[in-house]
Structure formats: C-alpha cells, structure tokens
Protein backbone atom coordinates (compact mmCIF):
# COMPACT_ATOMS: atom_id res chain seq x y z
CA MET A 1 129.78 47.66 7.77
CA LYS A 2 132.38 49.78 6.77
CA ILE A 3 135.34 48.97 4.09
CA GLY A 4 137.69 48.63 6.35
CA GLN A 5 135.66 45.82 8.82
CA PHE A 6 134.80 44.39 5.17
CA ALA A 7 138.38 43.53 4.23
CA ILE A 8 139.63 42.61 8.10
CA GLN A 9 136.49 40.15 7.74
CA ASN A 10 136.62 38.88 4.65
CA GLU A 11 141.21 38.32 5.57
CA THR A 12 141.86 41.32 2.36
CA SER A 13 143.23 44.00 1.75
CA ILE A 14 141.13 47.80 1.41
CA ASP A 15 143.01 47.99 -2.70
CA THR A 16 142.10 44.72 -3.43
CA ILE A 17 138.28 45.64 -2.35
CA ARG A 18 138.02 48.95 -4.07
CA HIS A 19 139.75 47.05 -7.26
CA TYR A 20 136.81 44.21 -7.32
CA ILE A 21 134.43 47.79 -6.87
CA SER A 22 135.51 49.48 -10.13
CA LEU A 23 134.96 46.24 -11.33
CA GLY A 24 131.57 45.60 -10.40
CA LEU A 25 132.25 42.07 -8.45
CA ILE A 26 131.41 43.50 -5.87
CA ILE A 27 128.40 46.56 -5.25
CA PRO A 28 127.95 47.93 -1.91
CA GLU A 29 125.60 50.69 -1.09
CA LYS A 30 127.68 54.46 -1.59
CA HIS A 31 126.02 56.90 1.26
CA ASN A 32 128.15 60.12 0.52
CA THR A 33 131.50 59.11 -0.06
CA GLN A 34 131.45 56.57 2.38
CA PHE A 35 130.58 52.35 1.37
CA ASP A 36 128.25 50.39 3.15
CA PHE A 37 128.36 46.66 2.63
CA ASP A 38 126.16 44.11 3.47
CA ASP A 39 125.67 40.44 3.22
CA LYS A 40 125.09 40.03 -0.39
CA CYS A 41 128.27 41.98 -0.28
CA THR A 42 130.04 39.21 1.43
CA ILE A 43 127.97 36.23 -0.27
CA ASP A 44 130.12 38.12 -3.68
CA PHE A 45 133.57 37.98 -2.24
CA GLN A 46 132.93 34.40 -1.24
CA GLU A 47 132.21 33.65 -5.18
CA ILE A 48 135.03 35.54 -5.96
CA THR A 49 137.64 33.85 -3.89
CA ALA A 50 136.31 30.33 -4.61
CA LEU A 51 136.65 31.49 -8.56
CA LYS A 52 139.66 32.37 -8.52
CA LYS A 53 141.11 28.73 -6.60
CA ILE A 54 140.07 26.93 -9.29
CA GLY A 55 141.93 29.47 -12.00
CA PHE A 56 139.18 32.08 -13.07
CA SER A 57 140.48 34.87 -13.88
CA LEU A 58 138.22 38.80 -12.93
CA ASN A 59 137.14 38.71 -16.19
CA GLU A 60 135.73 35.72 -16.65
CA ILE A 61 134.44 36.32 -12.85
CA GLN A 62 133.04 38.93 -13.93
CA GLN A 63 131.34 37.55 -17.35
CA LEU A 64 129.86 34.52 -14.98
CA MET A 65 128.40 36.98 -11.96
CA LEU A 66 126.66 39.14 -14.92
CA TYR A 67 125.57 35.73 -15.93
CA ARG A 68 124.11 35.17 -12.37
CA ARG A 69 122.99 38.67 -11.66
CA ILE A 70 121.12 39.48 -15.05
CA GLY A 71 119.96 35.97 -16.12
CA LYS A 72 118.30 35.68 -12.62
CA LEU A 73 119.32 31.93 -12.99
CA THR A 74 117.07 29.58 -10.62
CA GLY A 75 119.50 26.77 -9.11
CA TYR A 76 119.14 24.30 -12.23
CA ASP A 77 119.95 27.28 -14.36
CA ARG A 78 122.65 28.61 -12.68
CA ARG A 79 124.54 25.03 -12.54
CA ILE A 80 123.92 24.40 -16.26
CA THR A 81 125.65 27.84 -16.67
CA TYR A 82 128.41 27.24 -14.76
CA THR A 83 128.44 23.86 -15.75
CA SER A 84 129.63 25.10 -19.47
CA PHE A 85 131.66 27.39 -17.89
CA PHE A 86 133.67 25.38 -16.02
CA GLU A 87 134.17 22.72 -18.79
CA ARG A 88 135.73 25.30 -20.98
CA LYS A 89 138.01 26.13 -18.08
CA LYS A 90 138.77 22.72 -17.71
CA THR A 91 139.70 22.14 -21.13
CA GLN A 92 141.33 25.22 -21.20
CA ILE A 93 143.65 23.89 -18.06
CA ASP A 94 143.99 20.40 -19.81
CA ASN A 95 145.42 22.20 -22.65
CA GLU A 96 147.66 24.11 -20.38
CA ILE A 97 148.94 21.17 -18.81
CA ILE A 98 149.92 19.22 -21.73
CA LYS A 99 151.95 22.21 -23.07
CA LEU A 100 153.48 23.08 -19.32
CA ASP A 101 154.48 19.22 -19.32
CA THR A 102 155.72 19.90 -22.55
CA MET A 103 157.97 23.01 -22.26
CA ARG A 104 159.30 20.94 -19.45
CA GLN A 105 160.62 17.88 -20.86
CA ASN A 106 162.22 20.03 -23.18
CA LEU A 107 164.11 22.30 -19.99
CA GLU A 108 165.11 18.70 -18.79
CA SER A 109 166.38 17.92 -22.13
CA ALA A 110 168.46 21.35 -22.20
CA LEU A 111 169.28 20.56 -18.46
CA ASN A 112 170.56 16.70 -19.29
CA GLU A 113 172.59 18.37 -22.14
CA MET A 114 173.86 21.40 -20.51
CA ASN A 115 174.90 18.97 -17.73
CA ARG A 116 176.44 16.17 -20.26
CA GLU A 117 178.96 19.04 -21.61
CA ILE A 118 180.11 20.79 -18.40
CA GLU A 119 181.24 16.77 -17.03
CA PHE A 120 182.81 17.24 -20.61
CA ASP A 121 184.42 19.81 -20.43
CA LYS A 122 185.93 19.21 -16.80
CA TYR A 123 188.22 16.43 -18.65
CA ILE A 124 189.20 19.01 -20.78
CA ASP A 125 192.87 20.49 -20.04
CA LEU A 126 192.41 24.04 -20.42
CA GLU A 127 195.37 25.79 -22.21
CA THR A 128 196.95 28.17 -19.64
CA LEU A 129 197.59 31.43 -21.33
CA GLY A 130 201.19 33.13 -20.74
CA ILE A 131 203.22 35.60 -22.34
CA PRO A 132 204.03 34.04 -25.73
CA LEU A 133 207.44 34.35 -27.09
CA GLN A 134 207.22 36.07 -30.05
CA ALA A 135 205.17 39.04 -27.80
CA PHE A 136 208.40 39.48 -25.84
CA GLU A 137 209.65 42.16 -28.23
CA LEU A 138 207.37 44.61 -26.67
CA LEU A 139 208.10 44.23 -24.03
CA CYS A 140 210.69 46.76 -21.74
CA CYS A 141 211.44 47.37 -18.24
CA PRO A 142 208.99 49.98 -16.77
CA HIS A 143 211.68 51.88 -14.69
CA CYS A 144 214.14 52.60 -17.13
CA HIS A 145 212.43 51.50 -20.91
CA LEU A 146 215.54 48.70 -21.64
CA PRO A 147 214.89 46.00 -23.07
CA LEU A 148 214.53 42.54 -20.44
CA ASN A 149 216.47 39.17 -20.39
CA ILE A 150 214.70 36.24 -18.74
CA LEU A 151 216.63 35.42 -16.21
CA ASP A 152 214.72 31.69 -15.72
CA GLY A 153 211.58 30.47 -16.47
CA LYS A 154 209.35 28.16 -17.88
CA VAL A 155 207.88 27.62 -20.96
CA GLN A 156 204.97 25.84 -22.58
CA ASN A 157 203.53 25.72 -26.38
CA GLY A 158 205.82 28.67 -27.03
CA GLN A 159 204.66 30.92 -24.02
CA LEU A 160 206.33 31.90 -20.38
CA ILE A 161 204.21 30.39 -17.83
CA ASP A 162 206.33 31.39 -15.03
CA ALA A 163 209.63 33.75 -15.43
CA LYS A 164 211.48 36.07 -14.03
CA LEU A 165 212.94 38.89 -15.96
CA GLN A 166 215.55 41.51 -15.97
CA CYS A 167 217.17 44.28 -17.77
CA ASP A 168 220.86 45.83 -17.61
CA HIS A 169 220.33 48.22 -14.46
CA HIS A 170 218.85 44.90 -12.49
CA HIS A 171 215.32 45.92 -12.49
CA GLN A 172 213.68 43.09 -12.38
CA ILE A 173 209.58 41.78 -13.22
CA GLN A 174 207.53 38.46 -12.96
CA ILE A 175 205.18 36.36 -14.88
CA ILE A 176 203.31 33.96 -12.73
CA ASP A 177 200.83 31.78 -14.05
CA GLY A 178 201.04 33.15 -17.76
CA ILE A 179 200.61 36.74 -15.93
CA LEU A 180 203.39 39.79 -15.72
CA PHE A 181 202.96 41.68 -12.81
CA ILE A 182 205.09 44.64 -11.96
CA GLU A 183 205.52 45.40 -7.71
CA ASN A 184 203.64 48.78 -7.56
CA ALA A 185 202.74 50.80 -4.48
CA LYS A 186 200.24 48.34 -3.91
CA ASN A 187 203.74 46.28 -3.46
CA ILE A 188 202.41 43.07 -4.93
CA GLY A 189 204.87 39.96 -5.03
CA GLU A 190 204.78 36.53 -5.42
CA SER A 191 203.27 36.24 -1.93
CA ASP A 192 200.64 38.31 -2.80
CA TYR A 193 199.65 37.11 -5.77
CA LYS A 194 199.79 33.04 -4.42
CA GLY A 195 197.37 34.76 -1.58
CA THR A 196 194.11 36.18 -4.21
CA ASP A 197 190.97 34.57 -3.51
CA LEU A 198 188.93 33.90 -6.98
CA ASN A 199 186.10 32.86 -4.96
CA LEU A 200 185.47 36.98 -4.77
CA TYR A 201 184.11 36.08 -8.30
CA SER A 202 182.02 33.09 -8.31
CA GLU A 203 180.64 31.32 -11.48
CA ALA A 204 177.27 33.14 -10.65
CA TYR A 205 179.13 36.19 -10.65
CA ILE A 206 178.09 37.70 -13.14
CA ASP A 207 174.09 36.35 -12.99
CA GLU A 208 174.62 38.20 -8.88
CA TYR A 209 176.10 41.32 -10.75
CA ILE A 210 173.04 41.13 -13.35
CA ASN A 211 170.56 40.73 -11.08
CA THR A 212 171.66 44.03 -8.72
CA THR A 213 172.34 46.42 -11.30
CA ASP A 214 169.69 48.46 -12.60
CA ILE A 215 167.89 48.05 -15.50
CA ASN A 216 168.54 50.85 -17.39
CA TYR A 217 172.53 50.66 -16.96
CA LEU A 218 172.25 46.92 -17.86
CA LYS A 219 170.90 48.39 -21.49
CA LYS A 220 173.38 51.21 -21.62
CA LEU A 221 176.02 48.48 -21.05
CA HIS A 222 174.72 46.82 -24.26
CA GLU A 223 174.53 49.13 -26.19
CA GLY A 224 177.93 50.51 -25.89
CA LEU A 225 178.98 46.86 -26.74
CA GLN A 226 176.51 46.81 -29.36
CA TRP A 227 178.50 50.00 -31.04
CA SER A 228 181.66 49.09 -30.58
CA SER A 229 180.99 45.55 -32.55
CA ARG A 230 179.81 47.67 -34.97
CA HIS A 231 182.68 50.39 -35.12
CA ILE A 232 185.42 48.90 -34.90
CA ALA A 233 187.17 47.22 -38.19
CA PHE A 234 188.09 43.94 -36.65
CA GLU A 235 188.82 42.74 -40.22
CA GLY A 236 191.83 45.38 -40.70
CA LEU A 237 193.37 44.53 -37.53
CA THR A 238 195.85 42.14 -38.59
CA ASP A 239 198.97 41.66 -37.41
CA GLU A 240 198.42 44.84 -35.12
CA ILE A 241 198.94 45.24 -31.51
CA GLY A 242 195.64 46.38 -29.11
CA LEU A 243 196.03 47.85 -25.78
CA GLU A 244 193.08 47.90 -23.04
CA LEU A 245 193.63 50.13 -20.30
CA GLY A 246 191.83 48.82 -16.70
CA SER A 247 190.03 45.35 -18.01
CA GLY A 248 188.14 45.23 -15.05
CA HIS A 249 185.91 42.35 -15.22
CA GLY A 250 186.49 42.44 -18.61
CA TYR A 251 182.81 43.25 -19.97
CA PHE A 252 184.19 44.52 -23.46
CA MET A 253 186.93 41.91 -23.57
CA ARG A 254 184.41 38.73 -23.05
CA HIS A 255 181.78 40.61 -25.74
CA MET A 256 184.68 41.18 -28.03
CA ILE A 257 187.96 38.79 -28.10
CA GLU A 258 186.27 36.55 -30.71
CA CYS A 259 185.80 38.81 -33.45
CA PHE A 260 189.43 39.44 -33.24
CA PRO A 261 192.04 37.84 -36.42
CA CYS A 262 194.84 35.16 -35.21
CA THR A 263 196.94 37.28 -36.07
CA PHE A 264 195.87 40.15 -33.73
CA THR A 265 197.36 40.72 -30.31
CA TYR A 266 195.13 41.78 -27.32
CA ILE A 267 196.99 43.13 -23.95
CA ALA A 268 194.89 43.52 -20.96
CA ILE A 269 196.22 45.39 -18.24
CA ASP A 270 194.77 46.05 -15.07
CA HIS A 271 196.24 46.75 -11.77
CA ASP A 272 193.82 44.44 -9.41
CA LEU A 273 195.30 41.55 -9.52
CA THR A 274 192.11 38.79 -8.23
CA LYS A 275 190.39 40.29 -11.36
CA LEU A 276 192.97 40.07 -13.65
CA ARG A 277 192.70 36.43 -12.59
CA TRP A 278 189.44 35.83 -13.05
CA LEU A 279 189.24 37.40 -16.40
CA LYS A 280 191.95 35.34 -17.62
CA LYS A 281 190.14 32.41 -16.24
CA ILE A 282 186.97 33.12 -18.11
CA ILE A 283 189.35 33.69 -21.28
CA GLU A 284 190.91 30.70 -21.06
CA ARG A 285 187.66 28.50 -20.83
CA SER A 286 186.79 30.22 -24.53
CA HIS A 287 189.63 29.43 -26.58
CA PRO A 288 190.24 32.63 -27.91
CA LYS A 289 192.40 32.27 -31.22
CA CYS A 290 194.29 35.47 -31.19
CA THR A 291 197.43 36.52 -28.97
CA ILE A 292 196.74 37.36 -25.48
CA LEU A 293 198.75 38.70 -22.99
CA PHE A 294 197.82 39.61 -19.07
CA ILE A 295 199.60 42.21 -17.24
CA CYS A 296 199.18 43.45 -13.38
CA ALA A 297 200.25 46.76 -13.81
CA ASP A 298 199.54 50.74 -12.78
CA PHE A 299 198.98 52.67 -15.46
CA LEU A 300 202.32 54.52 -15.22
CA GLN A 301 204.05 50.98 -15.51
CA ILE A 302 203.08 49.62 -18.34
CA PRO A 303 205.94 47.32 -19.74
CA LEU A 304 205.85 48.14 -23.22
CA LYS A 305 207.86 49.90 -25.78
CA PRO A 306 207.06 53.18 -26.60
CA LYS A 307 205.36 53.51 -29.82
CA SER A 308 204.08 49.99 -30.08
CA ILE A 309 200.27 49.89 -29.78
CA ASP A 310 198.44 49.99 -32.61
CA VAL A 311 194.88 50.42 -31.00
CA LEU A 312 193.87 51.70 -27.61
CA PHE A 313 190.89 50.27 -25.99
CA ASP A 314 190.28 53.16 -23.32
CA ILE A 315 187.01 50.85 -21.68
CA SER A 316 185.99 53.32 -18.54
CA GLY A 317 190.15 53.27 -17.87
CA SER A 318 190.75 57.32 -18.03
CA SER A 319 187.21 57.61 -16.01
CA ASN A 320 188.07 55.60 -12.76
CA TYR A 321 191.64 57.28 -13.49
CA ALA A 322 189.83 60.36 -13.14
CA PHE A 323 188.08 59.31 -10.00
CA ASP A 324 192.01 59.59 -7.93
CA HIS A 325 193.75 61.91 -10.28
CA THR A 326 193.37 65.79 -12.49
CA GLU A 327 195.69 64.50 -15.51
CA PHE A 328 193.95 63.00 -18.31
CA LEU A 329 195.40 59.43 -18.79
CA LEU A 330 195.74 59.40 -21.93
CA LYS A 331 198.68 62.19 -21.78
CA LYS A 332 200.80 60.07 -19.75
CA ILE A 333 200.63 56.91 -22.09
CA ASP A 334 200.55 58.65 -24.94
CA GLU A 335 204.17 57.45 -25.56
CA LEU A 336 203.00 53.61 -26.11
CA VAL A 337 200.91 54.63 -29.09
CA LYS A 338 201.95 54.86 -32.58
CA ASP A 339 201.03 56.96 -35.45
CA GLN A 340 197.69 56.69 -36.79
CA ALA A 341 196.83 54.07 -33.70
CA HIS A 342 192.96 53.84 -33.34
CA LEU A 343 191.42 54.83 -30.20
CA HIS A 344 188.24 53.46 -29.03
CA ALA A 345 186.44 54.37 -25.93
CA PHE A 346 183.85 54.82 -23.07
CA TYR A 347 183.87 58.01 -20.90
CA ILE A 348 181.50 58.53 -17.97
CA LEU A 349 179.98 61.89 -17.96
CA PHE A 350 177.84 63.44 -15.01
CA LYS A 351 175.37 65.46 -16.66
CA ASN A 352 175.16 67.03 -12.90
CA TYR A 353 176.34 66.70 -9.47
CA VAL A 354 175.15 67.21 -5.82
CA THR A 355 176.45 68.82 -3.03
CA HIS A 356 177.62 65.41 -1.51
CA SER A 357 178.75 63.89 -5.08
CA LYS A 358 181.57 61.16 -4.81
CA VAL A 359 183.29 63.39 -7.22
CA PRO A 360 185.27 66.25 -6.01
CA GLN A 361 185.30 69.41 -7.59
CA THR A 362 189.13 69.75 -8.52
CA PHE A 363 188.38 66.22 -10.36
CA ARG A 364 185.16 66.67 -12.80
CA ASP A 365 186.84 67.25 -15.79
CA GLY A 366 187.59 64.40 -16.22
CA PHE A 367 183.50 63.63 -16.50
CA ASN A 368 183.14 66.17 -18.80
CA ILE A 369 182.49 65.68 -22.87
CA HIS A 370 183.77 69.15 -23.44
CA SER A 371 186.91 68.33 -21.28
CA ILE A 372 187.76 65.36 -23.07
CA GLN A 373 187.50 65.99 -26.34
CA SER A 374 189.78 68.90 -26.32
CA ASN A 375 192.22 66.50 -24.69
CA LEU A 376 192.03 64.21 -27.22
CA LYS A 377 192.20 66.85 -29.78
CA GLU A 378 195.17 68.07 -27.58
CA LEU A 379 196.39 64.60 -28.68
CA ASN A 380 195.51 64.97 -32.22
CA TYR A 381 192.86 62.11 -31.92
CA HIS A 382 190.68 63.14 -35.03
CA CYS A 383 187.47 61.34 -34.28
CA THR A 384 185.94 59.00 -36.58
CA GLU A 385 182.27 58.26 -35.02
CA ASP A 386 181.22 59.19 -31.33
CA PHE A 387 177.53 59.26 -29.75
CA GLU A 388 176.51 59.78 -26.06
CA THR A 389 173.92 57.52 -24.06
CA GLU A 390 170.60 58.88 -22.68
CA SER A 391 171.38 59.07 -18.88
CA VAL A 392 170.62 57.02 -16.03
CA GLU A 393 170.51 57.63 -11.94
CA LYS A 394 171.45 54.23 -11.16
CA GLY A 395 174.22 51.11 -11.54
CA GLY A 396 174.86 47.98 -10.26
CA PRO A 397 177.37 46.72 -7.13
CA LEU A 398 180.41 47.95 -9.41
CA GLU A 399 179.26 50.87 -9.48
CA ASN A 400 179.86 52.79 -6.44
CA TYR A 401 179.86 56.13 -8.01
CA PHE A 402 176.25 56.88 -8.47
CA VAL A 403 174.09 59.48 -5.70
CA GLU A 404 170.45 59.75 -6.06
CA GLY A 405 170.16 62.76 -7.91
CA GLU A 406 172.87 62.41 -10.06
CA HIS A 407 172.54 61.29 -13.75
CA VAL A 408 175.40 60.10 -15.78
CA SER A 409 175.57 59.08 -19.70
CA THR A 410 178.48 57.32 -21.01
CA TYR A 411 180.32 58.98 -24.35
CA PHE A 412 181.51 56.19 -26.84
CA TYR A 413 183.89 57.49 -29.35
CA SER A 414 186.03 56.11 -32.68
CA GLY A 415 189.01 57.96 -33.83
CA ILE A 416 192.60 57.83 -35.61
CA LYS A 417 195.42 59.68 -33.93
CA ALA A 418 196.59 61.63 -36.97
CA LYS A 419 200.77 62.41 -36.84
CA LYS A 420 201.95 65.32 -34.74
CA PRO A 421 201.94 68.57 -36.60
CA LEU A 422 205.75 69.59 -37.76
CA GLY A 423 207.22 72.81 -35.11
C-alpha cells in the first residue's frame, strides 16, 4: 500500500512515517519514488507504538529492533533479550519517579511557604505613599509657576495623602490617595480618579504580558535594565532629585528603586491615571527606602519648580511623545533640569518603514538616532556612555507600534548636561 493509505490505517501522519523510515524503524519497499508498505511494516509500526507506550525513546526502540532483526532471535531468546531491556527501563523509570516525587515534595514546601507569606502580608498595613511635606518646596503651580499653598489636607506620617493646593492666582490642584494630579485636557477630576479601574491591571498582569510578548523583545528590555543598573552611579545620588518621564507600568522604576539611596527623591510622572495608581500600589508593597512622588499630569504641565531636577530618566518618554508630536520632549521641559544634571534615557529607533507604518512621515525624526543625538547636543548634553541594541520585529500588547516588515531597536544613552555657553 502507499504511504497515505498506510498512515490512515495506522492513525498517524505521513510526517511521522517518514521520520520512522529515516531512523530505519520501518523499511518499506521503494519503487522509483514511491514507497510500498507491506504487513511487515505494519508489524514494525505496531511494535514501535507499543514500546513508546511503556516509555521507550525512539533511539532505544531503534536498538531493540536491531537486536531482533540482526540477531534473528527465537521467541525465547527475544523474550530474554527484551526482558533485560525492560528491566533496565523499569529501573530507570523507578529512579525517575523517586526523583520526581522529591521534586514534588520540594515544590509543595515552596508553595506552602509562599502561601504562608501571602497570608502574613494580608495582615500588614501598607503605608500609603503620599507627597512628603519636606518635598513640598519642589512643587509650583503648573499654570503660573507660583508657589502652592495648602488649603486643607490629610497628613499621615509627614505626608500629604489628600489635599487641595492653591496658588495666589487661585489655580487649584489636588492630592488624592497620595497622587498629585493636574486637571488637563483629559479633564481628570476627583470623580474620574475614584472611577479608575485597577482591575485592568490584575496581580497576573505581568505574567500575562511576558507570556504574550515576543521573546526577543523581552530580552532587549532586560538588556536595557541590566545596562542601566551598571551605568547609573547610584552611590552619587545622595540628596538629589530624579524625574522619570512617563513611568507607565514602571518596568524601569520597579527594577531600579531599591538601588537608590534613602535620601534620593524619585518623581514618577504619567498622564495615565490607572497605570499610575496600579504602579503606586506595587511600589508600596516593596517598602521603598527613598522618597517617591507620584504625579499624574501631561508632560507640559509638570508642577515642579525650574531647575529642580538633578537626574532625568527619559525611559522611552520622549519616544512615546514623538508618536504624536514633532518637538523633542526634552526641549519642552528643559527649564526643569539643572546644569550638570545627569540624563539616563532609552529611545525607540525605527530602522525602516513600510508603506502602512503607524509612524507618519512628519514624526519620523523622533525615531532617528542622528536626530536624537543632535537634539541632545543642542540641549548641551554630553554623552558619557551609549549603546544600541540589535533590532527586533515584534513586541507585545503594549508595543502596538510594531508593523510587520519594520525593524525596531533601542538606543541607550547616559550623559551630563553642561552649562550653557556664554553669549
């Protein structure tokens, strides 16, 4: 019979049969380019199936069948030889069962310990992070840049948890649940704050993201975090103020926060209130040692005083801004940054564009390495270290800018802002 009929008769695939033929487990006649399978082939296939069911690998089956074929064993000799193979296999399986049982016991112990820790954590009152009173001097009205006064508020452990702030021009901003947020073009108000759905980002969110994101992109993301951990001089950040533009889901922040000294102030800003609330809850569970401010605002309405930032973390913030704007974001917030400030940045680079690209022609300078370097130089940043990753073709559910056929890399940059030249 032909290979297709043989496959149907034995309820298997043609590819499987071809693989068995290549291993010499089934040896059909061959006429020109066609295989012809007889009853011997059927007997061999049935033996392969039976041996696989009791745990033999194809290599082991190959050896067994060679004994039978070449040795021309009688029924008695065949049973003696096979018994020896079967006993060795049984010993191997018994040892594997013991090994697996030990692994199962160890796994159960680890799970029990984790569950005990989870139950213990439920009874620990997490401290709500707010706006520390000592950091209040960093803030100003985002509209007129005048100092802010506290109209009324709730203070807990030296932090403003809920408060209304107002400048002398009667502009008001609010602190709700420890987050300072500005009513911007999206008209985020108190009702919007309380209505944000944290269930959009469940406890399993990170697992889901990793499982649905291209492995090469995840490796690139980790590469950047590793590069950052080696190129940020954490020990030199005592009493300094850091600002992250567009904290998002906090991959950078969550990876780095424990490295900052206790006297460092980390300001996380994002216009997406739901993401910021979720990130804040995650950070509160980690009991950070440094001071953290969470601000919900557009990049052009950051309520910070001029020349207040010592370290700027532009972790794809400028790149995300560039999808909708032609201006380089750091130029728009340059007044916040001190001379001699440090910049640590990740920039998205498109290596090519397809006709149906999601990046319009007018915005493409924002994803060009030479344009980015030119803008940084114009802002008087002096590069101390930089690095560009290999390009990838896919991301995950958060990287919706990927289009088939385009290649995207990341440019990592560390630099220091020089004083502006006189004249």
